[in-house]
Amino acid sequence: MKSKIAFTIPWYGDKIPGGAESQCRETVKALIGAGAEIEILSTCVRQFTSDWNANYHPPGLTVEGGVPVRRFPVRQREGSSFDQINYKLMHDLPVAPEEEQVFMNEMINSPALYEYIDRHRSEYVFLFIPYMFGTTYWGSMVCPERSILIPCLHDESYARMQLIRQMCERVRGLLFNSVQEEHLAQSLYNLDPERVAVVGEPVPCAWTSDPVRFQQKYAISDFFLYAGRTDKGKGADLLVDFYCRYLDETNRPEQLVFIGGGDLDIPHHYRSRIQKLGFVPAEDKHDAYGAAIALCVPSVMESFSLVMMESWLAGRPVIVNAACPVTTDFCLQSNGGLYFADYQEFREILTLLTVERTLAESLGALGQEFVLSNFQPHAVAARYLAALEQWGF
């Protein structure tokens, strides 16, 4: 019997935010396009920022966008003990093994989901995304021999938990978004090379960018762009700090534009030169990529980076943080971007791309070729299916 593929994720919905959530949706579409039979197994919680004790969706089976979605109620959590341990993990403080157990016990959990996996284990191969949630840990431990992780792994304290190490070493296989993500996993865990595969992330390519339309709508013509959550974890604060210094030293006229949600403090003196547009329609985001001099990706914790791929699709180069192995390696593979290790390098890159516009065009074209050659949905789906077949599904 051909196994159905069950993507198991803490929350699922067409418009909920999040990198892993978006990756799940696009991978499902790609695999359905390749002829795979797919279901979603999730909880009744609405999204990451919701109350993890609140069942927003009714339990049971629905069909959403042509995809069967089975949702299960969550178990009530004891939040204070979880929060105390999570604080330690967020600040790289030591966590004892018994605290790890409390952390995972009081994480988002659904016993009804795990019971369903147990009863129907022979019908599915279970793909769990991302790595650090209770639905992934406890769900994959029900039948590890039929469980595959899509970890979306970052170099962070959560990844160093012994429970996570045990999970990664027990499951049937791990699917990685990038070579550098796999290298990180190999440095942390004892993984058999036969149980890992680098498959990438599907990048929707069926859109175009109209730079003039963006320039006319927002009255912005010469700018660097940031796209995504504007929070500290994504390096948005570092970008603001560096760009303010850049403006002070060079007095250049180019602006910095942020699109996406999140809290970000722009110093009052610079608000005419650094703009926050917040959430914009998808068409405007695509147009912004093409209108920008370059996209800035200052984050140091990425397992892929969809926004840099989208910038390349629009033919524009990227500027990334050299402390992030994943984005830096993508720049090296593609020759589509430049990377900075400190402020001085950041300043020189911005000046170079501003003055040498033909260089920016060339880098963007190389990046576009890289995306089209490696991450179109049908190509990623083929790598997924090849890995699952290799592992006996």
Protein backbone atom coordinates (compact mmCIF):
# COMPACT_ATOMS: atom_id res chain seq x y z
CA MET A 1 0.00 0.00 0.00
CA LYS A 2 1.25 3.47 -0.88
CA SER A 3 1.71 5.54 2.28
CA LYS A 4 -0.02 8.87 2.64
CA ILE A 5 2.20 11.74 3.76
CA ALA A 6 1.03 13.39 6.98
CA PHE A 7 2.58 16.78 7.67
CA THR A 8 2.39 17.30 11.43
CA ILE A 9 2.66 20.90 12.58
CA PRO A 10 1.48 22.68 15.76
CA TRP A 11 -0.91 25.02 13.87
CA TYR A 12 -1.98 25.25 10.28
CA GLY A 13 -3.82 27.78 8.15
CA ASP A 14 -3.62 29.50 4.81
CA LYS A 15 -2.63 32.92 6.13
CA ILE A 16 -0.97 32.37 9.50
CA PRO A 17 2.57 33.84 9.69
CA GLY A 18 5.83 32.02 10.25
CA GLY A 19 8.67 30.60 8.20
CA ALA A 20 8.00 26.93 9.02
CA GLU A 21 4.27 27.48 8.53
CA SER A 22 4.81 28.98 5.09
CA GLN A 23 7.29 26.26 4.20
CA CYS A 24 4.78 23.59 5.18
CA ARG A 25 2.06 25.11 2.99
CA GLU A 26 4.31 25.48 -0.05
CA THR A 27 5.82 21.99 0.33
CA VAL A 28 2.35 20.48 0.55
CA LYS A 29 1.37 22.26 -2.67
CA ALA A 30 4.54 21.06 -4.40
CA LEU A 31 4.06 17.44 -3.33
CA ILE A 32 0.39 17.42 -4.34
CA GLY A 33 1.52 18.75 -7.72
CA ALA A 34 3.90 15.79 -7.92
CA GLY A 35 1.05 13.34 -7.28
CA ALA A 36 1.54 12.61 -3.58
CA GLU A 37 -1.43 12.02 -1.25
CA ILE A 38 -1.18 14.52 1.60
CA GLU A 39 -2.95 15.19 4.90
CA ILE A 40 -2.25 17.77 7.60
CA LEU A 41 -2.27 16.74 11.26
CA SER A 42 -2.40 19.72 13.61
CA THR A 43 -3.88 21.08 16.80
CA CYS A 44 -6.90 23.32 17.25
CA VAL A 45 -4.68 26.26 18.27
CA ARG A 46 -4.88 29.15 15.82
CA GLN A 47 -1.21 30.19 15.51
CA PHE A 48 2.09 30.68 17.36
CA THR A 49 1.08 33.95 19.02
CA SER A 50 -2.24 32.53 20.29
CA ASP A 51 -2.96 31.05 23.72
CA TRP A 52 -1.63 27.49 23.54
CA ASN A 53 -4.41 26.38 25.90
CA ALA A 54 -7.17 27.69 23.61
CA ASN A 55 -8.80 25.44 21.00
CA TYR A 56 -9.68 28.02 18.35
CA HIS A 57 -10.59 25.56 15.58
CA PRO A 58 -13.14 22.78 16.11
CA PRO A 59 -11.57 19.32 16.24
CA GLY A 60 -12.02 16.96 13.33
CA LEU A 61 -11.47 16.77 9.59
CA THR A 62 -11.89 19.68 7.20
CA VAL A 63 -10.71 20.27 3.64
CA GLU A 64 -8.86 23.55 3.19
CA GLY A 65 -7.57 24.59 -0.21
CA GLY A 66 -8.10 21.03 -1.37
CA VAL A 67 -5.98 19.60 1.47
CA PRO A 68 -7.46 17.38 4.23
CA VAL A 69 -6.68 18.91 7.63
CA ARG A 70 -7.25 16.92 10.85
CA ARG A 71 -7.14 18.98 14.02
CA PHE A 72 -6.95 17.72 17.58
CA PRO A 73 -7.58 19.51 20.90
CA VAL A 74 -4.64 20.53 23.04
CA ARG A 75 -3.91 19.43 26.59
CA GLN A 76 -3.98 22.22 29.16
CA ARG A 77 -0.52 23.44 30.13
CA GLU A 78 1.10 24.72 33.30
CA GLY A 79 2.58 27.85 31.80
CA SER A 80 4.64 29.26 34.65
CA SER A 81 7.09 26.35 34.90
CA PHE A 82 7.43 26.29 31.12
CA ASP A 83 8.13 30.02 31.05
CA GLN A 84 10.84 29.75 33.71
CA ILE A 85 12.71 27.08 31.75
CA ASN A 86 12.11 28.80 28.43
CA TYR A 87 13.67 31.96 29.90
CA LYS A 88 16.82 29.96 30.68
CA LEU A 89 16.94 28.55 27.16
CA MET A 90 16.39 31.96 25.60
CA HIS A 91 19.31 33.37 27.60
CA ASP A 92 21.65 30.37 27.16
CA LEU A 93 21.52 29.43 30.84
CA PRO A 94 22.11 25.82 31.96
CA VAL A 95 19.04 23.57 31.92
CA ALA A 96 18.98 20.26 33.81
CA PRO A 97 17.60 17.07 32.22
CA GLU A 98 14.54 17.12 34.47
CA GLU A 99 13.89 20.71 33.38
CA GLU A 100 14.05 19.65 29.74
CA GLN A 101 11.35 17.10 30.53
CA VAL A 102 9.15 19.74 32.14
CA PHE A 103 9.73 22.05 29.18
CA MET A 104 8.56 19.42 26.69
CA ASN A 105 5.67 18.28 28.91
CA GLU A 106 4.35 21.83 29.23
CA MET A 107 4.99 22.74 25.59
CA ILE A 108 2.00 22.68 23.21
CA ASN A 109 0.73 19.09 23.28
CA SER A 110 -2.20 17.02 22.06
CA PRO A 111 -2.63 13.48 23.43
CA ALA A 112 -5.50 12.97 20.96
CA LEU A 113 -3.09 13.67 18.10
CA TYR A 114 -0.57 11.15 19.42
CA GLU A 115 -3.31 8.55 19.85
CA TYR A 116 -4.35 9.09 16.23
CA ILE A 117 -0.75 8.61 15.06
CA ASP A 118 -0.54 5.39 17.07
CA ARG A 119 -3.81 3.97 15.71
CA HIS A 120 -3.05 4.86 12.10
CA ARG A 121 0.71 4.41 12.00
CA SER A 122 0.61 1.90 9.14
CA GLU A 123 -1.26 4.31 6.85
CA TYR A 124 1.17 7.23 6.85
CA VAL A 125 4.71 8.41 6.76
CA PHE A 126 4.76 11.30 9.26
CA LEU A 127 6.69 14.49 8.45
CA PHE A 128 7.15 16.73 11.51
CA ILE A 129 7.94 20.45 11.23
CA PRO A 130 9.64 22.30 12.96
CA TYR A 131 11.85 20.58 15.52
CA MET A 132 11.26 22.24 18.90
CA PHE A 133 7.52 21.81 19.62
CA GLY A 134 5.76 19.17 21.69
CA THR A 135 3.77 17.97 18.68
CA THR A 136 7.04 17.16 16.94
CA TYR A 137 8.82 15.57 19.90
CA TRP A 138 5.99 13.45 21.31
CA GLY A 139 4.42 12.78 17.92
CA SER A 140 7.63 11.49 16.37
CA MET A 141 8.32 9.29 19.38
CA VAL A 142 5.05 7.36 18.86
CA CYS A 143 6.50 5.55 15.85
CA PRO A 144 10.00 6.88 15.14
CA GLU A 145 10.51 4.26 12.43
CA ARG A 146 7.85 6.03 10.34
CA SER A 147 8.75 9.58 11.38
CA ILE A 148 10.72 12.14 9.35
CA LEU A 149 11.85 15.50 10.72
CA ILE A 150 11.97 18.76 8.79
CA PRO A 151 13.74 20.49 11.67
CA CYS A 152 14.32 24.06 10.35
CA LEU A 153 17.29 23.94 12.72
CA HIS A 154 19.05 27.03 14.10
CA ASP A 155 22.23 27.29 16.13
CA GLU A 156 20.47 27.97 19.44
CA SER A 157 20.12 26.52 22.93
CA TYR A 158 16.94 24.59 22.08
CA ALA A 159 18.86 22.57 19.51
CA ARG A 160 21.32 21.48 22.22
CA MET A 161 18.73 19.92 24.50
CA GLN A 162 19.34 16.23 25.15
CA LEU A 163 15.69 15.48 24.34
CA ILE A 164 16.15 17.02 20.90
CA ARG A 165 19.34 15.05 20.34
CA GLN A 166 17.55 11.81 21.27
CA MET A 167 14.67 12.61 18.93
CA CYS A 168 16.95 13.37 15.99
CA GLU A 169 18.92 10.18 16.54
CA ARG A 170 15.79 7.96 16.75
CA VAL A 171 13.66 9.06 13.78
CA ARG A 172 13.85 7.39 10.38
CA GLY A 173 15.18 10.43 8.56
CA LEU A 174 15.82 14.18 8.55
CA LEU A 175 15.16 16.55 5.65
CA PHE A 176 17.20 19.76 5.62
CA ASN A 177 16.62 23.08 3.90
CA SER A 178 20.30 23.73 3.21
CA VAL A 179 23.74 22.15 3.31
CA GLN A 180 24.76 24.35 6.23
CA GLU A 181 21.71 23.31 8.24
CA GLU A 182 22.75 19.69 7.76
CA HIS A 183 26.31 20.54 8.84
CA LEU A 184 24.95 22.10 12.03
CA ALA A 185 22.89 18.99 12.76
CA GLN A 186 25.88 16.73 12.15
CA SER A 187 27.93 18.82 14.58
CA LEU A 188 25.27 18.46 17.29
CA TYR A 189 23.99 14.91 16.85
CA ASN A 190 25.22 11.48 15.89
CA LEU A 191 23.46 11.09 12.53
CA ASP A 192 23.91 8.29 10.04
CA PRO A 193 24.57 9.92 6.64
CA GLU A 194 22.07 7.47 5.14
CA ARG A 195 19.30 9.02 7.27
CA VAL A 196 19.73 12.62 6.10
CA ALA A 197 18.93 14.47 2.89
CA VAL A 198 19.23 18.11 1.81
CA VAL A 199 16.04 18.89 -0.12
CA GLY A 200 15.69 22.67 0.06
CA GLU A 201 12.49 24.66 0.29
CA PRO A 202 10.07 25.24 -2.60
CA VAL A 203 10.09 28.83 -3.82
CA PRO A 204 6.95 29.93 -5.72
CA CYS A 205 8.18 31.45 -8.96
CA ALA A 206 4.95 32.36 -10.79
CA TRP A 207 5.00 36.08 -10.07
CA THR A 208 6.55 39.18 -11.59
CA SER A 209 7.94 42.37 -10.11
CA ASP A 210 7.00 45.87 -11.28
CA PRO A 211 9.49 48.31 -9.70
CA VAL A 212 7.87 51.40 -11.19
CA ARG A 213 4.50 50.48 -9.70
CA PHE A 214 6.07 50.31 -6.21
CA GLN A 215 7.96 53.58 -6.68
CA GLN A 216 4.82 55.38 -7.77
CA LYS A 217 2.58 53.93 -5.07
CA TYR A 218 4.92 54.66 -2.15
CA ALA A 219 6.89 57.61 -3.57
CA ILE A 220 10.18 55.87 -2.80
CA SER A 221 12.71 55.57 -5.60
CA ASP A 222 16.19 54.76 -4.29
CA PHE A 223 16.43 52.43 -1.32
CA PHE A 224 17.71 49.31 0.36
CA LEU A 225 15.06 46.85 1.53
CA TYR A 226 14.39 44.63 4.54
CA ALA A 227 11.51 42.13 4.29
CA GLY A 228 10.15 40.00 7.14
CA ARG A 229 9.60 40.20 10.89
CA THR A 230 11.22 43.35 12.24
CA ASP A 231 12.48 41.96 15.52
CA LYS A 232 15.80 41.51 17.27
CA GLY A 233 15.96 37.80 16.49
CA LYS A 234 16.06 38.63 12.79
CA GLY A 235 18.76 41.28 13.16
CA ALA A 236 16.49 44.23 12.36
CA ASP A 237 17.93 46.24 15.26
CA LEU A 238 21.47 45.63 14.01
CA LEU A 239 20.47 46.82 10.56
CA VAL A 240 18.98 50.03 11.97
CA ASP A 241 22.12 50.69 14.02
CA PHE A 242 24.46 50.11 11.09
CA TYR A 243 22.34 52.13 8.67
CA CYS A 244 22.16 55.11 11.02
CA ARG A 245 25.95 55.08 11.27
CA TYR A 246 26.15 54.78 7.49
CA LEU A 247 23.94 57.86 7.03
CA ASP A 248 25.99 59.83 9.56
CA GLU A 249 29.30 59.01 7.88
CA THR A 250 28.34 59.21 4.21
CA ASN A 251 25.28 61.50 4.09
CA ARG A 252 24.09 59.42 1.14
CA PRO A 253 20.52 59.99 -0.08
CA GLU A 254 19.38 56.35 -0.30
CA GLN A 255 16.69 55.25 2.13
CA LEU A 256 16.21 52.03 4.07
CA VAL A 257 12.71 50.54 3.86
CA PHE A 258 11.26 47.86 6.17
CA ILE A 259 8.25 45.77 5.16
CA GLY A 260 6.71 43.24 7.55
CA GLY A 261 5.29 43.18 11.05
CA GLY A 262 6.93 43.47 14.44
CA ASP A 263 8.18 46.05 16.90
CA LEU A 264 11.09 48.12 15.67
CA ASP A 265 12.30 51.42 17.09
CA ILE A 266 13.57 53.92 14.53
CA PRO A 267 15.44 56.83 16.17
CA HIS A 268 13.41 59.98 15.66
CA HIS A 269 16.19 61.85 13.89
CA TYR A 270 16.36 59.19 11.13
CA ARG A 271 12.67 58.62 10.42
CA SER A 272 12.76 60.58 7.18
CA ARG A 273 15.47 58.22 5.89
CA ILE A 274 14.38 54.89 7.41
CA GLN A 275 10.77 53.96 6.72
CA LYS A 276 8.54 51.22 8.14
CA LEU A 277 5.71 50.26 5.80
CA GLY A 278 4.44 47.36 7.94
CA PHE A 279 2.54 44.58 6.21
CA VAL A 280 1.99 45.21 2.51
CA PRO A 281 0.07 43.17 -0.10
CA ALA A 282 2.02 40.35 -1.77
CA GLU A 283 2.08 42.25 -5.07
CA ASP A 284 3.65 45.27 -3.35
CA LYS A 285 6.25 43.07 -1.66
CA HIS A 286 7.24 41.54 -5.00
CA ASP A 287 7.40 45.00 -6.58
CA ALA A 288 9.56 46.24 -3.68
CA TYR A 289 12.12 43.52 -4.31
CA GLY A 290 12.57 44.65 -7.89
CA ALA A 291 12.67 48.35 -6.99
CA ALA A 292 15.34 48.02 -4.29
CA ILE A 293 19.06 48.44 -4.78
CA ALA A 294 19.48 45.26 -2.72
CA LEU A 295 17.75 43.25 0.00
CA CYS A 296 19.40 43.27 3.45
CA VAL A 297 19.19 39.98 5.40
CA PRO A 298 21.00 40.65 8.72
CA SER A 299 19.71 37.56 10.54
CA VAL A 300 22.27 35.09 11.90
CA MET A 301 19.79 32.22 12.46
CA GLU A 302 18.33 30.87 9.23
CA SER A 303 17.86 27.37 7.87
CA PHE A 304 16.92 28.72 4.42
CA SER A 305 15.68 32.36 3.90
CA LEU A 306 12.77 32.66 1.52
CA VAL A 307 13.10 36.44 1.28
CA MET A 308 16.59 36.26 -0.22
CA MET A 309 15.32 33.79 -2.82
CA GLU A 310 12.44 36.14 -3.64
CA SER A 311 14.84 39.06 -4.03
CA TRP A 312 16.92 36.99 -6.43
CA LEU A 313 13.81 36.03 -8.39
CA ALA A 314 13.18 39.75 -8.85
CA GLY A 315 16.74 40.10 -10.14
CA ARG A 316 18.13 42.01 -7.16
CA PRO A 317 21.20 41.14 -5.06
CA VAL A 318 21.27 40.44 -1.34
CA ILE A 319 23.45 41.64 1.54
CA VAL A 320 23.75 39.09 4.35
CA ASN A 321 25.37 38.71 7.74
CA ALA A 322 28.62 36.71 7.52
CA ALA A 323 27.79 35.21 10.94
CA CYS A 324 24.97 33.23 9.30
CA PRO A 325 26.45 30.13 7.61
CA VAL A 326 23.29 29.39 5.61
CA THR A 327 22.79 32.74 3.88
CA THR A 328 26.52 33.25 3.40
CA ASP A 329 26.83 29.84 1.76
CA PHE A 330 23.93 30.62 -0.57
CA CYS A 331 25.77 33.80 -1.62
CA LEU A 332 28.92 31.77 -2.31
CA GLN A 333 27.03 29.12 -4.27
CA SER A 334 25.15 31.62 -6.40
CA ASN A 335 27.50 34.62 -6.59
CA GLY A 336 24.29 36.55 -6.09
CA GLY A 337 25.12 38.53 -2.97
CA LEU A 338 27.70 39.98 -0.60
CA TYR A 339 28.23 39.44 3.13
CA PHE A 340 29.51 41.64 5.95
CA ALA A 341 31.32 40.68 9.15
CA ASP A 342 31.27 44.13 10.75
CA TYR A 343 30.08 47.69 10.22
CA GLN A 344 33.03 48.69 8.03
CA GLU A 345 32.27 45.90 5.56
CA PHE A 346 28.57 46.77 5.66
CA ARG A 347 29.37 50.40 4.78
CA GLU A 348 31.64 49.41 1.90
CA ILE A 349 29.09 46.99 0.45
CA LEU A 350 26.31 49.59 0.48
CA THR A 351 28.58 52.17 -1.13
CA LEU A 352 29.76 49.69 -3.77
CA LEU A 353 26.27 48.58 -4.80
CA THR A 354 25.01 52.16 -4.85
CA VAL A 355 27.81 53.37 -7.11
CA GLU A 356 28.25 50.23 -9.23
CA ARG A 357 24.68 49.62 -10.36
CA THR A 358 25.81 47.27 -13.14
CA LEU A 359 27.43 45.07 -10.49
CA ALA A 360 24.14 44.95 -8.58
CA GLU A 361 22.37 43.93 -11.79
CA SER A 362 24.90 41.16 -12.44
CA LEU A 363 24.67 39.78 -8.91
CA GLY A 364 20.90 39.79 -9.06
CA ALA A 365 20.88 37.93 -12.37
CA LEU A 366 23.18 35.23 -10.98
CA GLY A 367 20.95 34.88 -7.93
CA GLN A 368 17.87 34.53 -10.12
CA GLU A 369 19.54 31.75 -12.11
CA PHE A 370 20.47 29.97 -8.86
CA VAL A 371 16.88 29.96 -7.57
CA LEU A 372 15.38 28.81 -10.88
CA SER A 373 17.96 26.02 -11.13
CA ASN A 374 17.52 24.68 -7.60
CA PHE A 375 14.30 25.63 -5.79
CA GLN A 376 11.38 25.57 -8.15
CA PRO A 377 8.58 23.59 -6.45
CA HIS A 378 8.71 20.60 -8.80
CA ALA A 379 12.45 20.15 -8.19
CA VAL A 380 12.09 20.29 -4.40
CA ALA A 381 9.13 17.86 -4.50
CA ALA A 382 11.22 15.41 -6.51
CA ARG A 383 13.97 15.51 -3.87
CA TYR A 384 11.42 14.93 -1.10
CA LEU A 385 9.94 11.91 -2.84
CA ALA A 386 13.38 10.49 -3.67
CA ALA A 387 14.40 10.69 -0.01
CA LEU A 388 11.19 9.05 1.19
CA GLU A 389 11.62 6.26 -1.35
CA GLN A 390 15.22 5.76 -0.23
CA TRP A 391 13.96 5.32 3.34
CA GLY A 392 11.43 2.69 2.30
CA PHE A 393 8.22 4.70 1.86
